[in-house]
Amino acid sequence: MSKNSNSKTALFKSIKKSLYKSRKWVLLITIWTFFLSILITLISDLLINKLNIYMAFMVLLFIISIGILFDLIGVAVTSANEKPFHSMASRKVAGARQAVKLIRNASTVSNFCNDVIGDICGIVSGMAGAVIILKVALLIKSHSISESILNVLLSGVVASLTVGGKALGKEIGISHSKEIVFAVGKLLYQIKKKIGLNIIKD
């Protein structure tokens, strides 16, 4: 068998292995997203329905902030370089090994942070905004402000905060990728140390 044929066979096996791993990840993340979105939606819905307008708006801002934070982490992981963490890992610096694993699994981490958490927060913030609009409409029903105007205004606020926050987060994620990845690595290290949960396996 020729050298060229061997290389083609190896390439085919590598692609087949990657596709198998991708299918497993797609299935896993789809199931995770389904249950995670239900859980977050239920919690936020219960909170916002029981809170007053001001506290409900604080919860809405918190949900938007979570989406921005995870988007920032996803960007930082994809733009970080793992080399600085190798010497730290060899010196057994807490969190360095986890940082390397984050970068080596950048596509998976980015998919989870940017797409899964980001999209869930976007959907939940929209639903939370709708509940807040109903609360505000009931509060000012004696005034001449229509619910449609409130809807447009709050939708604009949510969209501008989300897009503006993510734009700022991307800038921070790119310019301070090393510090952010290391901070997340230290958090993962503490989680593993305290409760024995290894979130990113070898």
C-alpha atoms as a PDB file:
ATOM      1  CA  MET A   1       0.000   0.000   0.000  1.00  0.00           C
ATOM      2  CA  SER A   2       1.391   3.417  -0.956  1.00  0.00           C
ATOM      3  CA  LYS A   3       2.257   6.179   1.470  1.00  0.00           C
ATOM      4  CA  ASN A   4      -0.415   8.392  -0.111  1.00  0.00           C
ATOM      5  CA  SER A   5      -3.047   5.695   0.442  1.00  0.00           C
ATOM      6  CA  ASN A   6      -2.026   5.313   4.097  1.00  0.00           C
ATOM      7  CA  SER A   7      -2.328   9.044   4.681  1.00  0.00           C
ATOM      8  CA  LYS A   8      -5.815   9.066   3.105  1.00  0.00           C
ATOM      9  CA  THR A   9      -6.886   6.165   5.324  1.00  0.00           C
ATOM     10  CA  ALA A  10      -5.557   7.938   8.420  1.00  0.00           C
ATOM     11  CA  LEU A  11      -7.345  11.143   7.393  1.00  0.00           C
ATOM     12  CA  PHE A  12     -10.607   9.251   6.847  1.00  0.00           C
ATOM     13  CA  LYS A  13     -10.327   7.608  10.290  1.00  0.00           C
ATOM     14  CA  SER A  14      -9.577  10.978  11.894  1.00  0.00           C
ATOM     15  CA  ILE A  15     -12.618  12.596  10.247  1.00  0.00           C
ATOM     16  CA  LYS A  16     -14.816   9.643  11.207  1.00  0.00           C
ATOM     17  CA  LYS A  17     -13.648   9.883  14.824  1.00  0.00           C
ATOM     18  CA  SER A  18     -14.287  13.652  14.883  1.00  0.00           C
ATOM     19  CA  LEU A  19     -17.784  13.195  13.466  1.00  0.00           C
ATOM     20  CA  TYR A  20     -18.558  10.537  16.086  1.00  0.00           C
ATOM     21  CA  LYS A  21     -17.408  12.844  18.887  1.00  0.00           C
ATOM     22  CA  SER A  22     -19.377  15.731  17.346  1.00  0.00           C
ATOM     23  CA  ARG A  23     -22.582  13.668  17.216  1.00  0.00           C
ATOM     24  CA  LYS A  24     -22.157  12.725  20.877  1.00  0.00           C
ATOM     25  CA  TRP A  25     -21.576  16.364  21.845  1.00  0.00           C
ATOM     26  CA  VAL A  26     -24.545  17.623  19.789  1.00  0.00           C
ATOM     27  CA  LEU A  27     -26.866  15.072  21.406  1.00  0.00           C
ATOM     28  CA  LEU A  28     -25.542  15.802  24.892  1.00  0.00           C
ATOM     29  CA  ILE A  29     -25.734  19.581  24.548  1.00  0.00           C
ATOM     30  CA  THR A  30     -29.242  19.387  23.058  1.00  0.00           C
ATOM     31  CA  ILE A  31     -30.495  17.435  26.077  1.00  0.00           C
ATOM     32  CA  TRP A  32     -28.607  19.728  28.470  1.00  0.00           C
ATOM     33  CA  THR A  33     -30.055  22.830  26.812  1.00  0.00           C
ATOM     34  CA  PHE A  34     -33.602  21.474  27.024  1.00  0.00           C
ATOM     35  CA  PHE A  35     -33.507  20.809  30.765  1.00  0.00           C
ATOM     36  CA  LEU A  36     -31.342  23.829  31.595  1.00  0.00           C
ATOM     37  CA  SER A  37     -33.645  26.229  29.748  1.00  0.00           C
ATOM     38  CA  ILE A  38     -36.716  24.777  31.515  1.00  0.00           C
ATOM     39  CA  LEU A  39     -35.023  25.114  34.920  1.00  0.00           C
ATOM     40  CA  ILE A  40     -33.832  28.697  34.361  1.00  0.00           C
ATOM     41  CA  THR A  41     -37.176  29.743  32.866  1.00  0.00           C
ATOM     42  CA  LEU A  42     -39.148  28.287  35.788  1.00  0.00           C
ATOM     43  CA  ILE A  43     -36.915  29.902  38.409  1.00  0.00           C
ATOM     44  CA  SER A  44     -36.906  33.324  36.720  1.00  0.00           C
ATOM     45  CA  ASP A  45     -40.651  33.176  36.028  1.00  0.00           C
ATOM     46  CA  LEU A  46     -41.454  32.334  39.661  1.00  0.00           C
ATOM     47  CA  LEU A  47     -39.135  35.064  40.927  1.00  0.00           C
ATOM     48  CA  ILE A  48     -40.352  37.795  38.591  1.00  0.00           C
ATOM     49  CA  ASN A  49     -44.037  37.024  39.115  1.00  0.00           C
ATOM     50  CA  LYS A  50     -43.665  37.279  42.895  1.00  0.00           C
ATOM     51  CA  LEU A  51     -41.427  40.366  42.989  1.00  0.00           C
ATOM     52  CA  ASN A  52     -42.348  44.007  42.603  1.00  0.00           C
ATOM     53  CA  ILE A  53     -41.449  45.890  39.412  1.00  0.00           C
ATOM     54  CA  TYR A  54     -38.105  47.193  40.663  1.00  0.00           C
ATOM     55  CA  MET A  55     -36.877  43.847  41.953  1.00  0.00           C
ATOM     56  CA  ALA A  56     -38.181  42.108  38.812  1.00  0.00           C
ATOM     57  CA  PHE A  57     -36.159  44.536  36.720  1.00  0.00           C
ATOM     58  CA  MET A  58     -33.087  43.731  38.846  1.00  0.00           C
ATOM     59  CA  VAL A  59     -33.619  40.024  38.088  1.00  0.00           C
ATOM     60  CA  LEU A  60     -33.897  40.885  34.383  1.00  0.00           C
ATOM     61  CA  LEU A  61     -30.591  42.799  34.546  1.00  0.00           C
ATOM     62  CA  PHE A  62     -29.008  39.828  36.349  1.00  0.00           C
ATOM     63  CA  ILE A  63     -30.126  37.428  33.588  1.00  0.00           C
ATOM     64  CA  ILE A  64     -28.705  39.759  30.925  1.00  0.00           C
ATOM     65  CA  SER A  65     -25.445  40.019  32.911  1.00  0.00           C
ATOM     66  CA  ILE A  66     -25.126  36.213  33.085  1.00  0.00           C
ATOM     67  CA  GLY A  67     -25.452  36.029  29.292  1.00  0.00           C
ATOM     68  CA  ILE A  68     -22.797  38.726  28.858  1.00  0.00           C
ATOM     69  CA  LEU A  69     -20.438  37.059  31.365  1.00  0.00           C
ATOM     70  CA  PHE A  70     -20.609  33.647  29.688  1.00  0.00           C
ATOM     71  CA  ASP A  71     -20.177  35.253  26.270  1.00  0.00           C
ATOM     72  CA  LEU A  72     -17.042  36.961  27.588  1.00  0.00           C
ATOM     73  CA  ILE A  73     -15.688  33.625  28.881  1.00  0.00           C
ATOM     74  CA  GLY A  74     -16.420  31.911  25.545  1.00  0.00           C
ATOM     75  CA  VAL A  75     -14.523  34.604  23.634  1.00  0.00           C
ATOM     76  CA  ALA A  76     -11.598  34.544  26.096  1.00  0.00           C
ATOM     77  CA  VAL A  77     -11.199  30.760  25.829  1.00  0.00           C
ATOM     78  CA  THR A  78     -11.164  30.818  22.006  1.00  0.00           C
ATOM     79  CA  SER A  79      -8.614  33.637  21.859  1.00  0.00           C
ATOM     80  CA  ALA A  80      -6.278  32.511  24.690  1.00  0.00           C
ATOM     81  CA  ASN A  81      -2.915  30.785  24.217  1.00  0.00           C
ATOM     82  CA  GLU A  82      -2.249  27.689  26.310  1.00  0.00           C
ATOM     83  CA  LYS A  83       1.575  28.041  26.375  1.00  0.00           C
ATOM     84  CA  PRO A  84       1.778  30.378  29.416  1.00  0.00           C
ATOM     85  CA  PHE A  85      -0.207  27.861  31.451  1.00  0.00           C
ATOM     86  CA  HIS A  86       2.139  24.921  30.778  1.00  0.00           C
ATOM     87  CA  SER A  87       4.922  26.224  33.015  1.00  0.00           C
ATOM     88  CA  MET A  88       2.321  27.153  35.638  1.00  0.00           C
ATOM     89  CA  ALA A  89       0.871  23.635  35.459  1.00  0.00           C
ATOM     90  CA  SER A  90       4.359  22.112  35.812  1.00  0.00           C
ATOM     91  CA  ARG A  91       4.774  24.188  38.996  1.00  0.00           C
ATOM     92  CA  LYS A  92       1.376  22.859  40.141  1.00  0.00           C
ATOM     93  CA  VAL A  93      -0.230  26.305  40.234  1.00  0.00           C
ATOM     94  CA  ALA A  94      -3.896  25.897  41.182  1.00  0.00           C
ATOM     95  CA  GLY A  95      -6.142  26.288  38.148  1.00  0.00           C
ATOM     96  CA  ALA A  96      -3.402  26.149  35.498  1.00  0.00           C
ATOM     97  CA  ARG A  97      -4.179  22.569  34.449  1.00  0.00           C
ATOM     98  CA  GLN A  98      -7.879  23.417  34.192  1.00  0.00           C
ATOM     99  CA  ALA A  99      -7.012  26.485  32.092  1.00  0.00           C
ATOM    100  CA  VAL A 100      -5.113  24.283  29.622  1.00  0.00           C
ATOM    101  CA  LYS A 101      -8.073  21.923  29.377  1.00  0.00           C
ATOM    102  CA  LEU A 102     -10.422  24.874  28.768  1.00  0.00           C
ATOM    103  CA  ILE A 103      -8.299  26.090  25.851  1.00  0.00           C
ATOM    104  CA  ARG A 104      -7.881  22.599  24.388  1.00  0.00           C
ATOM    105  CA  ASN A 105     -11.670  22.229  24.448  1.00  0.00           C
ATOM    106  CA  ALA A 106     -12.234  25.777  23.192  1.00  0.00           C
ATOM    107  CA  SER A 107     -14.889  24.895  20.604  1.00  0.00           C
ATOM    108  CA  THR A 108     -16.970  22.940  23.134  1.00  0.00           C
ATOM    109  CA  VAL A 109     -16.566  25.570  25.865  1.00  0.00           C
ATOM    110  CA  SER A 110     -17.401  28.362  23.426  1.00  0.00           C
ATOM    111  CA  ASN A 111     -20.473  26.491  22.184  1.00  0.00           C
ATOM    112  CA  PHE A 112     -21.712  26.020  25.746  1.00  0.00           C
ATOM    113  CA  CYS A 113     -20.949  29.578  26.925  1.00  0.00           C
ATOM    114  CA  ASN A 114     -21.887  31.585  23.833  1.00  0.00           C
ATOM    115  CA  ASP A 115     -24.663  29.488  22.312  1.00  0.00           C
ATOM    116  CA  VAL A 116     -26.286  27.478  25.101  1.00  0.00           C
ATOM    117  CA  ILE A 117     -26.118  29.900  28.046  1.00  0.00           C
ATOM    118  CA  GLY A 118     -26.192  32.984  25.810  1.00  0.00           C
ATOM    119  CA  ASP A 119     -29.292  31.876  23.900  1.00  0.00           C
ATOM    120  CA  ILE A 120     -31.104  30.681  27.027  1.00  0.00           C
ATOM    121  CA  CYS A 121     -30.459  34.014  28.750  1.00  0.00           C
ATOM    122  CA  GLY A 122     -31.702  35.818  25.635  1.00  0.00           C
ATOM    123  CA  ILE A 123     -34.956  33.822  25.598  1.00  0.00           C
ATOM    124  CA  VAL A 124     -35.490  34.109  29.360  1.00  0.00           C
ATOM    125  CA  SER A 125     -34.789  37.858  29.363  1.00  0.00           C
ATOM    126  CA  GLY A 126     -37.416  38.273  26.646  1.00  0.00           C
ATOM    127  CA  MET A 127     -39.971  36.360  28.712  1.00  0.00           C
ATOM    128  CA  ALA A 128     -39.010  38.279  31.856  1.00  0.00           C
ATOM    129  CA  GLY A 129     -39.410  41.526  29.944  1.00  0.00           C
ATOM    130  CA  ALA A 130     -42.934  40.511  28.903  1.00  0.00           C
ATOM    131  CA  VAL A 131     -43.902  39.844  32.546  1.00  0.00           C
ATOM    132  CA  ILE A 132     -42.465  43.197  33.609  1.00  0.00           C
ATOM    133  CA  ILE A 133     -44.451  44.935  30.852  1.00  0.00           C
ATOM    134  CA  LEU A 134     -47.663  43.401  32.219  1.00  0.00           C
ATOM    135  CA  LYS A 135     -46.759  44.571  35.731  1.00  0.00           C
ATOM    136  CA  VAL A 136     -46.038  48.095  34.510  1.00  0.00           C
ATOM    137  CA  ALA A 137     -49.221  48.147  32.389  1.00  0.00           C
ATOM    138  CA  LEU A 138     -51.320  47.196  35.425  1.00  0.00           C
ATOM    139  CA  LEU A 139     -49.581  49.825  37.513  1.00  0.00           C
ATOM    140  CA  ILE A 140     -50.201  52.677  35.059  1.00  0.00           C
ATOM    141  CA  LYS A 141     -53.512  51.521  33.561  1.00  0.00           C
ATOM    142  CA  SER A 142     -55.073  54.841  34.539  1.00  0.00           C
ATOM    143  CA  HIS A 143     -52.551  56.681  32.339  1.00  0.00           C
ATOM    144  CA  SER A 144     -52.661  57.065  28.580  1.00  0.00           C
ATOM    145  CA  ILE A 145     -49.524  54.978  27.871  1.00  0.00           C
ATOM    146  CA  SER A 146     -50.356  51.916  25.786  1.00  0.00           C
ATOM    147  CA  GLU A 147     -48.937  48.442  26.414  1.00  0.00           C
ATOM    148  CA  SER A 148     -47.499  48.305  22.891  1.00  0.00           C
ATOM    149  CA  ILE A 149     -45.378  51.410  23.561  1.00  0.00           C
ATOM    150  CA  LEU A 150     -44.097  49.837  26.794  1.00  0.00           C
ATOM    151  CA  ASN A 151     -43.328  46.648  24.895  1.00  0.00           C
ATOM    152  CA  VAL A 152     -41.300  48.517  22.263  1.00  0.00           C
ATOM    153  CA  LEU A 153     -39.424  50.552  24.875  1.00  0.00           C
ATOM    154  CA  LEU A 154     -38.519  47.616  27.119  1.00  0.00           C
ATOM    155  CA  SER A 155     -37.582  45.430  24.129  1.00  0.00           C
ATOM    156  CA  GLY A 156     -35.247  48.221  23.005  1.00  0.00           C
ATOM    157  CA  VAL A 157     -33.698  48.464  26.469  1.00  0.00           C
ATOM    158  CA  VAL A 158     -33.160  44.676  26.725  1.00  0.00           C
ATOM    159  CA  ALA A 159     -31.707  44.449  23.202  1.00  0.00           C
ATOM    160  CA  SER A 160     -29.388  47.458  23.644  1.00  0.00           C
ATOM    161  CA  LEU A 161     -28.113  46.225  27.031  1.00  0.00           C
ATOM    162  CA  THR A 162     -27.522  42.708  25.656  1.00  0.00           C
ATOM    163  CA  VAL A 163     -25.806  43.755  22.419  1.00  0.00           C
ATOM    164  CA  GLY A 164     -23.833  46.594  24.015  1.00  0.00           C
ATOM    165  CA  GLY A 165     -22.789  44.411  26.951  1.00  0.00           C
ATOM    166  CA  LYS A 166     -21.675  41.563  24.697  1.00  0.00           C
ATOM    167  CA  ALA A 167     -19.712  43.968  22.480  1.00  0.00           C
ATOM    168  CA  LEU A 168     -17.884  45.292  25.554  1.00  0.00           C
ATOM    169  CA  GLY A 169     -17.463  41.744  26.858  1.00  0.00           C
ATOM    170  CA  LYS A 170     -15.848  40.602  23.599  1.00  0.00           C
ATOM    171  CA  GLU A 171     -13.309  43.440  23.806  1.00  0.00           C
ATOM    172  CA  ILE A 172     -12.451  42.510  27.401  1.00  0.00           C
ATOM    173  CA  GLY A 173     -12.429  38.778  26.567  1.00  0.00           C
ATOM    174  CA  ILE A 174      -9.901  39.258  23.753  1.00  0.00           C
ATOM    175  CA  SER A 175      -7.623  41.759  25.514  1.00  0.00           C
ATOM    176  CA  HIS A 176      -7.592  39.936  28.882  1.00  0.00           C
ATOM    177  CA  SER A 177      -8.044  36.339  27.731  1.00  0.00           C
ATOM    178  CA  LYS A 178      -5.203  34.947  29.855  1.00  0.00           C
ATOM    179  CA  GLU A 179      -6.503  36.457  33.105  1.00  0.00           C
ATOM    180  CA  ILE A 180     -10.102  35.411  32.413  1.00  0.00           C
ATOM    181  CA  VAL A 181      -9.228  31.824  31.469  1.00  0.00           C
ATOM    182  CA  PHE A 182      -6.979  31.521  34.517  1.00  0.00           C
ATOM    183  CA  ALA A 183      -9.757  32.859  36.781  1.00  0.00           C
ATOM    184  CA  VAL A 184     -12.210  30.305  35.362  1.00  0.00           C
ATOM    185  CA  GLY A 185      -9.535  27.597  35.698  1.00  0.00           C
ATOM    186  CA  LYS A 186      -9.083  28.454  39.391  1.00  0.00           C
ATOM    187  CA  LEU A 187     -12.844  28.314  39.890  1.00  0.00           C
ATOM    188  CA  LEU A 188     -12.992  24.861  38.258  1.00  0.00           C
ATOM    189  CA  TYR A 189     -10.062  23.768  40.442  1.00  0.00           C
ATOM    190  CA  GLN A 190     -11.904  24.857  43.592  1.00  0.00           C
ATOM    191  CA  ILE A 191     -15.075  23.062  42.473  1.00  0.00           C
ATOM    192  CA  LYS A 192     -13.095  19.867  41.909  1.00  0.00           C
ATOM    193  CA  LYS A 193     -11.254  20.257  45.226  1.00  0.00           C
ATOM    194  CA  LYS A 194     -14.325  21.076  47.324  1.00  0.00           C
ATOM    195  CA  ILE A 195     -16.986  18.753  45.872  1.00  0.00           C
ATOM    196  CA  GLY A 196     -14.968  16.421  43.632  1.00  0.00           C
ATOM    197  CA  LEU A 197     -16.738  17.477  40.433  1.00  0.00           C
ATOM    198  CA  ASN A 198     -14.437  17.408  37.405  1.00  0.00           C
ATOM    199  CA  ILE A 199     -16.384  19.556  34.908  1.00  0.00           C
ATOM    200  CA  ILE A 200     -13.851  19.313  32.063  1.00  0.00           C
ATOM    201  CA  LYS A 201     -12.373  15.828  31.879  1.00  0.00           C
ATOM    202  CA  ASP A 202      -8.963  14.943  30.393  1.00  0.00           C
END
